[in-house]
Each structure stands twice: as C-alpha cells, then as structure tokens.
N, C-alpha and C. Protein backbone atom coordinates (compact mmCIF):
# COMPACT_ATOMS: atom_id res chain seq x y z
N MET A 1 1.13 -1.11 -0.23
CA MET A 1 -0.09 -0.12 0.14
C MET A 1 0.71 1.08 0.00
N LYS A 2 1.86 0.98 0.89
CA LYS A 2 2.94 2.27 0.69
C LYS A 2 3.54 2.49 -0.60
N LYS A 3 3.98 1.78 -1.35
CA LYS A 3 4.39 1.79 -2.63
C LYS A 3 3.39 2.46 -3.75
N LEU A 4 2.57 2.15 -3.53
CA LEU A 4 1.02 2.46 -4.36
C LEU A 4 1.16 4.08 -4.38
N ILE A 5 0.88 4.20 -2.58
CA ILE A 5 0.84 5.99 -2.59
C ILE A 5 2.09 7.11 -3.16
N LEU A 6 3.06 6.15 -2.69
CA LEU A 6 4.36 6.86 -3.17
C LEU A 6 4.02 7.08 -4.92
N ILE A 7 3.90 6.21 -5.42
CA ILE A 7 3.70 6.26 -7.34
C ILE A 7 2.94 7.08 -7.53
N LEU A 8 1.72 7.18 -6.88
CA LEU A 8 0.88 8.23 -7.08
C LEU A 8 0.76 9.75 -6.68
N ALA A 9 1.70 9.94 -5.44
CA ALA A 9 2.33 11.38 -5.24
C ALA A 9 3.10 11.47 -6.34
N SER A 10 4.29 10.63 -6.67
CA SER A 10 5.17 11.13 -7.82
C SER A 10 4.60 11.48 -8.98
N ILE A 11 3.23 10.75 -9.28
CA ILE A 11 2.65 11.20 -11.35
C ILE A 11 1.94 12.41 -10.43
N VAL A 12 1.18 12.68 -9.67
CA VAL A 12 0.81 14.29 -8.99
C VAL A 12 1.64 14.83 -9.13
N ALA A 13 2.40 15.13 -8.79
CA ALA A 13 3.69 16.11 -8.42
C ALA A 13 4.12 15.98 -9.75
N SER A 14 4.62 15.16 -10.34
CA SER A 14 5.05 15.68 -12.40
C SER A 14 4.24 16.22 -12.71
N ALA A 15 2.99 15.96 -12.66
CA ALA A 15 2.15 16.71 -13.08
C ALA A 15 1.90 18.09 -13.32
N VAL A 16 1.92 18.73 -12.03
CA VAL A 16 2.09 20.09 -11.42
C VAL A 16 3.14 20.79 -12.23
N PHE A 17 4.41 19.63 -11.78
CA PHE A 17 5.94 20.48 -12.44
C PHE A 17 5.67 20.83 -13.77
N ALA A 18 5.18 20.17 -14.77
CA ALA A 18 5.16 20.46 -15.87
C ALA A 18 4.30 21.40 -16.65
N ALA A 19 3.60 22.00 -15.74
CA ALA A 19 2.87 23.33 -15.94
C ALA A 19 3.03 24.28 -16.54
N ILE A 20 2.32 24.56 -18.13
CA ILE A 20 2.57 25.84 -18.63
C ILE A 20 2.37 27.28 -17.56
N THR A 21 3.38 28.25 -18.05
CA THR A 21 2.96 29.36 -17.67
C THR A 21 3.15 30.34 -18.74
N ILE A 22 2.17 31.44 -18.53
CA ILE A 22 1.93 32.55 -19.80
C ILE A 22 2.93 34.15 -19.03
N SER A 23 3.41 34.78 -19.85
CA SER A 23 3.79 36.00 -19.21
C SER A 23 3.97 36.92 -20.48
N PRO A 24 3.10 38.28 -20.72
CA PRO A 24 2.24 38.71 -19.79
C PRO A 24 0.87 38.20 -19.57
N ALA A 25 0.23 38.67 -18.64
CA ALA A 25 -1.34 37.81 -18.38
C ALA A 25 -2.33 39.00 -19.60
N SER A 26 -1.56 40.25 -20.03
CA SER A 26 -2.94 40.79 -20.63
C SER A 26 -1.66 42.00 -21.30
N ARG A 27 -2.55 42.83 -22.25
CA ARG A 27 -1.98 43.52 -23.43
C ARG A 27 -3.64 44.50 -23.88
N SER A 28 -2.96 45.49 -23.92
CA SER A 28 -4.27 46.86 -24.76
C SER A 28 -3.30 46.97 -26.04
N PHE A 29 -4.68 47.27 -27.33
CA PHE A 29 -4.14 47.92 -28.10
C PHE A 29 -4.71 49.00 -28.71
N ASP A 30 -4.68 49.75 -29.26
CA ASP A 30 -5.45 50.76 -29.64
C ASP A 30 -6.22 50.16 -30.76
N ALA A 31 -7.35 51.21 -31.28
CA ALA A 31 -8.21 50.64 -32.34
C ALA A 31 -7.85 50.19 -33.72
N LYS A 32 -6.86 50.76 -34.37
CA LYS A 32 -6.00 50.13 -35.27
C LYS A 32 -5.69 48.49 -35.29
N GLY A 33 -5.08 48.02 -34.25
CA GLY A 33 -5.25 46.32 -33.86
C GLY A 33 -3.85 46.10 -33.66
N GLY A 34 -3.51 45.41 -34.47
CA GLY A 34 -1.91 45.00 -34.06
C GLY A 34 -1.52 43.31 -33.82
N GLY A 35 -0.21 42.82 -33.49
CA GLY A 35 -0.24 41.87 -32.99
C GLY A 35 0.84 41.55 -32.23
N ALA A 36 1.18 40.33 -31.30
CA ALA A 36 1.96 40.50 -30.29
C ALA A 36 1.98 38.79 -30.29
N ILE A 37 2.69 38.55 -29.17
CA ILE A 37 3.38 37.34 -28.77
C ILE A 37 3.19 36.91 -27.12
N ILE A 38 2.61 35.73 -27.03
CA ILE A 38 2.24 35.42 -25.59
C ILE A 38 3.63 34.77 -25.25
N SER A 39 4.69 34.86 -24.21
CA SER A 39 5.41 33.92 -23.82
C SER A 39 5.22 32.98 -23.16
N THR A 40 6.06 31.82 -23.24
CA THR A 40 5.14 30.58 -22.28
C THR A 40 6.82 29.99 -21.82
N SER A 41 6.40 29.49 -20.80
CA SER A 41 7.57 28.62 -19.94
C SER A 41 7.07 27.62 -19.31
N GLY A 42 7.75 26.64 -18.79
CA GLY A 42 7.26 25.25 -17.54
C GLY A 42 7.65 24.34 -18.75
N ASP A 43 7.28 22.72 -18.76
CA ASP A 43 7.66 22.09 -19.60
C ASP A 43 6.22 21.38 -20.01
N GLY A 44 6.46 20.97 -21.67
CA GLY A 44 5.74 20.41 -21.96
C GLY A 44 5.35 21.18 -23.11
N THR A 45 3.58 20.71 -23.72
CA THR A 45 3.13 21.38 -25.04
C THR A 45 1.89 22.12 -24.24
N TRP A 46 1.27 23.16 -25.56
CA TRP A 46 0.57 23.91 -24.66
C TRP A 46 -0.36 23.87 -26.30
N THR A 47 -2.02 24.15 -25.77
CA THR A 47 -2.30 24.82 -26.63
C THR A 47 -3.19 26.18 -26.83
N ALA A 48 -3.57 26.95 -27.97
CA ALA A 48 -4.20 28.07 -27.29
C ALA A 48 -5.28 28.33 -28.08
N VAL A 49 -6.59 28.59 -27.84
CA VAL A 49 -7.59 29.01 -28.50
C VAL A 49 -8.27 30.61 -27.42
N ALA A 50 -9.02 31.32 -29.06
CA ALA A 50 -9.47 32.85 -28.56
C ALA A 50 -10.73 32.56 -28.28
N ASP A 51 -11.56 33.16 -27.52
CA ASP A 51 -13.18 33.22 -27.35
C ASP A 51 -13.99 34.37 -28.08
N VAL A 52 -13.41 35.40 -29.01
CA VAL A 52 -13.93 36.32 -30.17
C VAL A 52 -13.13 36.12 -31.32
N ASP A 53 -13.89 36.14 -32.32
CA ASP A 53 -13.64 36.11 -33.91
C ASP A 53 -12.70 37.77 -34.33
N TRP A 54 -12.65 38.19 -33.44
CA TRP A 54 -11.52 39.55 -33.86
C TRP A 54 -10.00 39.35 -33.46
N LEU A 55 -10.01 38.19 -32.56
CA LEU A 55 -8.41 37.67 -32.12
C LEU A 55 -8.33 36.23 -33.00
N THR A 56 -7.48 36.59 -33.57
CA THR A 56 -6.49 34.94 -34.56
C THR A 56 -5.35 34.92 -33.52
N VAL A 57 -5.29 33.36 -33.62
CA VAL A 57 -4.15 33.04 -32.90
C VAL A 57 -3.18 32.42 -34.08
N SER A 58 -2.40 33.17 -34.53
CA SER A 58 -1.47 32.31 -35.41
C SER A 58 -0.78 31.19 -34.75
N SER A 59 -0.38 30.88 -33.88
CA SER A 59 0.55 29.50 -33.44
C SER A 59 -0.56 28.89 -32.82
N ALA A 60 -1.36 27.79 -33.05
CA ALA A 60 -2.51 27.46 -31.98
C ALA A 60 -1.52 26.51 -30.90
N SER A 61 -0.49 25.86 -30.92
CA SER A 61 -0.11 24.96 -30.26
C SER A 61 1.71 25.15 -30.22
N GLY A 62 2.20 24.51 -28.76
CA GLY A 62 3.86 24.58 -29.30
C GLY A 62 4.34 24.00 -27.77
N ASN A 63 5.71 24.04 -28.14
CA ASN A 63 6.57 23.90 -27.20
C ASN A 63 6.73 24.65 -25.96
N ALA A 64 6.67 24.39 -24.80
CA ALA A 64 6.93 25.56 -23.66
C ALA A 64 8.21 26.07 -23.74
N GLY A 65 8.29 27.05 -23.93
CA GLY A 65 9.47 28.25 -24.65
C GLY A 65 8.91 28.95 -25.71
N LYS A 66 8.05 28.04 -26.27
CA LYS A 66 8.03 29.02 -27.90
C LYS A 66 6.68 29.85 -27.50
N GLY A 67 6.32 30.95 -28.09
CA GLY A 67 5.89 31.97 -28.29
C GLY A 67 4.58 31.98 -28.84
N CYS A 68 3.44 31.90 -27.86
CA CYS A 68 1.77 32.09 -29.01
C CYS A 68 1.39 33.22 -29.59
N ALA A 69 1.93 33.83 -31.05
CA ALA A 69 1.56 34.39 -31.82
C ALA A 69 -0.24 35.09 -32.41
N TYR A 70 -0.26 36.07 -32.16
CA TYR A 70 -1.71 36.27 -32.58
C TYR A 70 -1.84 37.75 -33.13
N LEU A 71 -2.52 38.11 -33.38
CA LEU A 71 -3.89 39.02 -34.64
C LEU A 71 -4.87 40.01 -34.25
N VAL A 72 -4.75 40.95 -33.81
CA VAL A 72 -5.78 41.65 -33.26
C VAL A 72 -6.55 42.60 -34.39
N GLU A 73 -7.77 42.18 -34.81
CA GLU A 73 -8.45 43.04 -36.07
C GLU A 73 -8.43 44.84 -35.80
N ALA A 74 -8.42 45.39 -36.63
CA ALA A 74 -9.14 46.55 -36.34
C ALA A 74 -10.63 47.12 -35.69
N ASN A 75 -10.66 47.65 -34.55
CA ASN A 75 -12.15 47.89 -34.12
C ASN A 75 -12.00 48.56 -34.96
N ASN A 76 -13.87 48.97 -35.60
CA ASN A 76 -14.03 49.67 -36.21
C ASN A 76 -15.92 49.95 -35.53
N THR A 77 -15.93 50.19 -34.07
CA THR A 77 -16.81 50.77 -33.75
C THR A 77 -16.59 51.73 -32.46
N ALA A 78 -17.19 52.70 -31.71
CA ALA A 78 -16.69 53.54 -30.50
C ALA A 78 -16.32 52.68 -29.69
N ASP A 79 -17.13 51.42 -29.35
CA ASP A 79 -17.04 50.91 -28.14
C ASP A 79 -15.49 49.96 -27.78
N VAL A 80 -15.32 50.08 -26.57
CA VAL A 80 -14.03 49.03 -25.95
C VAL A 80 -14.24 47.74 -26.14
N ARG A 81 -13.49 46.69 -26.44
CA ARG A 81 -13.64 45.58 -26.10
C ARG A 81 -12.30 44.62 -26.01
N VAL A 82 -13.39 43.39 -25.57
CA VAL A 82 -12.13 42.74 -24.48
C VAL A 82 -12.55 41.43 -24.75
N GLY A 83 -11.44 40.35 -25.52
CA GLY A 83 -11.29 39.21 -25.57
C GLY A 83 -10.33 38.46 -24.66
N HIS A 84 -10.22 37.29 -25.11
CA HIS A 84 -9.50 36.00 -24.33
C HIS A 84 -9.32 35.13 -25.07
N ILE A 85 -7.51 34.83 -24.58
CA ILE A 85 -6.49 33.61 -24.98
C ILE A 85 -6.61 32.44 -24.18
N THR A 86 -6.64 31.66 -24.22
CA THR A 86 -6.52 30.52 -23.13
C THR A 86 -5.62 29.68 -23.75
N VAL A 87 -4.46 29.89 -22.85
CA VAL A 87 -3.15 29.11 -23.52
C VAL A 87 -3.01 27.73 -22.26
N SER A 88 -3.32 26.40 -22.62
CA SER A 88 -3.20 25.80 -21.69
C SER A 88 -3.58 25.82 -20.41
N GLY A 89 -4.73 26.19 -20.21
CA GLY A 89 -5.40 26.70 -18.78
C GLY A 89 -5.29 27.83 -18.36
N ASN A 90 -4.34 29.03 -18.92
CA ASN A 90 -3.94 30.10 -18.83
C ASN A 90 -4.72 31.14 -19.56
N THR A 91 -5.46 32.12 -18.82
CA THR A 91 -5.83 33.34 -19.41
C THR A 91 -4.94 34.12 -19.74
N TYR A 92 -5.50 34.94 -20.75
CA TYR A 92 -4.54 36.08 -21.39
C TYR A 92 -5.50 37.22 -21.89
N THR A 93 -5.67 38.58 -21.52
CA THR A 93 -6.60 39.38 -21.73
C THR A 93 -6.33 40.54 -22.69
N VAL A 94 -7.21 40.57 -23.52
CA VAL A 94 -6.65 41.14 -24.60
C VAL A 94 -7.85 42.52 -24.71
N THR A 95 -6.95 43.82 -23.98
CA THR A 95 -8.07 45.09 -24.36
C THR A 95 -8.08 45.78 -25.78
N GLN A 96 -9.08 46.15 -26.36
CA GLN A 96 -8.76 47.58 -27.30
C GLN A 96 -9.72 47.96 -27.52
N GLU A 97 -9.20 49.70 -27.56
CA GLU A 97 -9.58 50.45 -27.77
C GLU A 97 -10.47 50.49 -28.42
N GLY A 98 -11.93 51.69 -28.65
CA GLY A 98 -12.72 51.85 -29.93
C GLY A 98 -11.97 53.63 -30.38
N ARG A 99 -12.74 52.99 -31.58
CA ARG A 99 -12.78 54.50 -32.50
C ARG A 99 -13.42 56.14 -32.04
N SER A 100 -12.26 57.25 -32.02
CA SER A 100 -12.89 58.02 -31.62
C SER A 100 -14.37 58.29 -32.09
N VAL A 101 -15.26 58.86 -31.31
CA VAL A 101 -16.81 59.47 -31.67
C VAL A 101 -16.73 60.70 -30.94
N GLU A 102 -17.33 61.91 -31.61
CA GLU A 102 -17.69 63.26 -31.48
C GLU A 102 -18.65 63.52 -31.12
N LEU A 103 -19.82 63.84 -30.38
CA LEU A 103 -21.05 64.23 -30.56
C LEU A 103 -21.08 66.19 -30.65
N THR A 104 -21.63 66.59 -31.21
CA THR A 104 -22.22 67.78 -31.33
C THR A 104 -23.67 68.29 -31.43
N PRO A 105 -24.08 68.96 -30.19
CA PRO A 105 -23.65 69.03 -28.89
C PRO A 105 -23.35 68.11 -28.66
N ALA A 106 -22.80 68.04 -27.47
CA ALA A 106 -22.61 67.18 -26.32
C ALA A 106 -23.39 66.43 -25.45
N SER A 107 -24.54 67.39 -25.20
CA SER A 107 -25.79 67.07 -24.31
C SER A 107 -26.89 68.69 -24.31
N VAL A 108 -28.27 68.58 -23.98
CA VAL A 108 -29.32 69.14 -24.66
C VAL A 108 -29.62 69.40 -22.92
N GLU A 109 -30.38 70.46 -22.85
CA GLU A 109 -30.95 70.58 -21.56
C GLU A 109 -32.39 71.49 -22.38
N VAL A 110 -33.57 70.29 -22.24
CA VAL A 110 -35.13 71.20 -22.16
C VAL A 110 -36.13 71.53 -21.31
N GLY A 111 -36.79 71.89 -21.56
CA GLY A 111 -37.60 72.29 -20.27
C GLY A 111 -38.90 71.21 -20.26
N SER A 112 -40.50 71.60 -19.73
CA SER A 112 -41.33 70.94 -19.77
C SER A 112 -42.01 70.66 -21.27
N GLU A 113 -41.48 71.39 -22.36
CA GLU A 113 -42.58 71.28 -23.33
C GLU A 113 -41.43 70.31 -24.39
N GLU A 114 -42.37 70.07 -25.56
CA GLU A 114 -41.67 69.14 -26.33
C GLU A 114 -40.52 69.38 -26.91
N SER A 115 -39.88 69.02 -27.28
CA SER A 115 -38.28 69.67 -27.99
C SER A 115 -37.87 68.57 -29.33
N SER A 116 -37.46 69.42 -30.02
CA SER A 116 -36.32 68.59 -31.19
C SER A 116 -35.37 69.21 -32.01
N GLY A 117 -34.71 68.66 -32.27
CA GLY A 117 -33.37 68.93 -32.63
C GLY A 117 -32.57 68.09 -33.31
N GLU A 118 -30.99 68.48 -33.91
CA GLU A 118 -29.89 67.56 -34.48
C GLU A 118 -28.95 67.47 -33.70
N ILE A 119 -28.15 66.53 -33.63
CA ILE A 119 -26.91 66.04 -33.20
C ILE A 119 -25.88 65.49 -34.33
N THR A 120 -24.99 65.81 -34.30
CA THR A 120 -23.83 65.61 -35.25
C THR A 120 -22.94 64.37 -34.61
N ILE A 121 -22.41 63.20 -35.29
CA ILE A 121 -21.67 62.58 -35.25
C ILE A 121 -20.36 62.80 -36.01
N THR A 122 -19.53 63.17 -35.82
CA THR A 122 -18.01 63.01 -36.24
C THR A 122 -17.25 61.78 -35.49
N THR A 123 -16.57 61.22 -36.81
CA THR A 123 -15.88 60.17 -37.00
C THR A 123 -15.09 59.53 -38.05
N ASP A 124 -14.97 58.77 -37.95
CA ASP A 124 -13.61 58.18 -39.70
C ASP A 124 -14.78 57.27 -40.09
N ALA A 125 -15.01 57.22 -41.27
CA ALA A 125 -15.81 56.77 -42.84
C ALA A 125 -16.21 55.49 -42.31
N ASN A 126 -15.35 54.62 -41.73
CA ASN A 126 -15.81 52.98 -41.68
C ASN A 126 -16.09 52.69 -39.95
N VAL A 127 -16.46 53.94 -39.25
CA VAL A 127 -16.82 53.29 -37.57
C VAL A 127 -18.71 53.19 -38.01
N SER A 128 -18.37 52.31 -37.65
CA SER A 128 -20.09 51.67 -37.02
C SER A 128 -20.68 52.26 -35.49
N TRP A 129 -21.94 52.67 -35.38
CA TRP A 129 -22.57 53.14 -34.51
C TRP A 129 -23.59 53.06 -34.65
N THR A 130 -24.49 52.91 -33.10
CA THR A 130 -25.84 52.44 -32.46
C THR A 130 -26.42 53.53 -31.39
N VAL A 131 -27.09 53.88 -31.35
CA VAL A 131 -27.84 54.78 -30.62
C VAL A 131 -28.86 54.21 -29.75
N ARG A 132 -28.80 54.59 -28.61
CA ARG A 132 -29.99 53.52 -27.73
C ARG A 132 -30.33 54.28 -26.32
N PRO A 133 -31.95 55.27 -27.34
CA PRO A 133 -31.92 56.43 -26.19
C PRO A 133 -32.51 55.48 -24.47
N ASN A 134 -32.24 56.40 -23.46
CA ASN A 134 -32.49 55.60 -22.38
C ASN A 134 -33.21 55.44 -21.55
N ASP A 135 -35.00 56.14 -22.58
CA ASP A 135 -36.48 56.56 -21.88
C ASP A 135 -37.18 56.48 -23.27
N SER A 136 -38.30 55.98 -23.03
CA SER A 136 -38.98 55.74 -24.00
C SER A 136 -39.71 57.18 -24.69
N TRP A 137 -39.79 58.14 -23.84
CA TRP A 137 -39.94 59.56 -24.60
C TRP A 137 -38.95 60.79 -24.94
N ILE A 138 -37.84 59.54 -25.19
CA ILE A 138 -36.75 60.01 -26.42
C ILE A 138 -37.03 59.42 -27.49
N SER A 139 -36.87 59.69 -28.50
CA SER A 139 -36.66 59.24 -30.21
C SER A 139 -35.83 59.72 -30.55
N VAL A 140 -35.12 59.18 -31.78
CA VAL A 140 -33.79 59.41 -32.03
C VAL A 140 -33.55 58.70 -33.35
N SER A 141 -33.27 59.11 -34.72
CA SER A 141 -33.39 58.84 -35.87
C SER A 141 -32.17 59.38 -36.57
N PRO A 142 -31.53 58.44 -37.28
CA PRO A 142 -31.27 57.04 -37.40
C PRO A 142 -30.97 56.38 -35.89
N THR A 143 -31.10 55.28 -36.01
CA THR A 143 -30.71 54.56 -34.71
C THR A 143 -29.01 53.92 -35.15
N THR A 144 -28.75 53.75 -35.88
CA THR A 144 -27.63 52.97 -36.40
C THR A 144 -27.18 53.66 -37.52
N GLY A 145 -25.63 53.43 -37.90
CA GLY A 145 -25.36 53.82 -39.63
C GLY A 145 -23.67 53.84 -39.10
N THR A 146 -23.29 53.96 -40.07
CA THR A 146 -21.52 54.27 -40.32
C THR A 146 -20.89 55.66 -40.97
N GLY A 147 -20.16 55.88 -40.21
CA GLY A 147 -19.43 57.18 -40.67
C GLY A 147 -19.90 58.40 -39.73
N PRO A 148 -19.57 59.66 -39.97
CA PRO A 148 -20.20 60.97 -39.92
C PRO A 148 -21.64 60.99 -40.24
N ALA A 149 -22.30 61.71 -39.69
CA ALA A 149 -24.11 61.27 -39.57
C ALA A 149 -24.58 62.77 -38.57
N VAL A 150 -25.32 63.39 -39.50
CA VAL A 150 -26.10 63.93 -38.23
C VAL A 150 -28.02 63.51 -38.17
N LEU A 151 -28.45 63.14 -36.88
CA LEU A 151 -29.51 62.71 -36.37
C LEU A 151 -30.27 63.44 -35.81
N THR A 152 -31.64 63.21 -35.80
CA THR A 152 -32.86 64.24 -35.39
C THR A 152 -32.89 63.34 -34.18
N TYR A 153 -33.60 63.88 -33.29
CA TYR A 153 -33.87 63.55 -31.99
C TYR A 153 -35.50 64.70 -31.31
N SER A 154 -36.38 63.87 -30.89
CA SER A 154 -37.69 64.65 -30.42
C SER A 154 -37.62 63.84 -28.77
N ILE A 155 -38.02 65.20 -28.25
CA ILE A 155 -38.13 64.87 -26.63
C ILE A 155 -39.80 65.23 -26.58
N GLN A 156 -40.52 64.29 -25.93
CA GLN A 156 -41.96 64.64 -25.24
C GLN A 156 -42.08 65.64 -24.32
N ALA A 157 -42.84 65.98 -24.33
CA ALA A 157 -43.11 66.90 -23.52
C ALA A 157 -43.69 65.98 -22.05
N PHE A 158 -43.55 66.43 -21.11
CA PHE A 158 -43.86 65.98 -19.87
C PHE A 158 -44.49 66.91 -18.78
C-alpha cells in the first residue's frame, strides 16, 4: 500500500511540475489593432484558443518556451472590447480601444415642453455606431449607421 501511495504522489508531482505558464497576462491595443506574442514557459506542450472572432491565434500549439503569436483586427466601432486567449488553462486578456466619436452638441437641456433638434456625429468613415435612447420619451433617428452623420431627436412633453 505504501508503494502505491508513493507512486501516485510522484505522478501528481510530475503533472504539477509540467505546467505551462504565460507572460504577460494581458495587453492593450489601440483601435487599429496589431499583433503580439504571449511568452510560454514550463515543461510540455501547450494549445491556445481565442474566445472572440476578432482575435486570431497564429500559432495554436507549441512547446514550452515557444511563443504564442496572435493578431488583433481593427476595431471599427466606438466601443472598447475585451477578448481572451486561453493557453493551456492560462487566461490572457486583450483589451482594445474603440474609434474616436464626437457628438455636437454633447448634451441638450430642455424644459417640460416638446423639443426636437439635431446632433452631429463626427467620426471616421468606417466606424459603425448605434444610438440607444435611455427612456421611451426620447426618440432618435437614425439609430444605426456608419461614419459621420446628423441625427434628429425628439423629446416628448412631460
């Protein structure tokens, strides 16, 4: 019985010792995207997979010590986005900034009467955007688009 316990302890110790680690644990990109390499260390082999379609793992497997290369597509929205690459159980986080978008005017103050007006969206030609009014008494048109635009809004009297 003592031999069996010793053998099992040896197998468990070997499995823990053979773990793959990564460095660094995260990276940020601007809206243009780019590429980078995740360093691996330890013993054994690793596999990698991304959880979003805008991250492409160029080298999906390798031996410890070989880097895991990946590409980040351009972000043509105004939203910050976050994706993950899992390398043999280790989570690597990629954060990517959105494109610049400016609203003119940035805010509107209204009284209790019905009100309407225009808001100009200034951004690059290939940036997609979506407008989501917070309340049912505000309407905006159009609610989706790409590139610069002029929106019209209407606020119901209350």
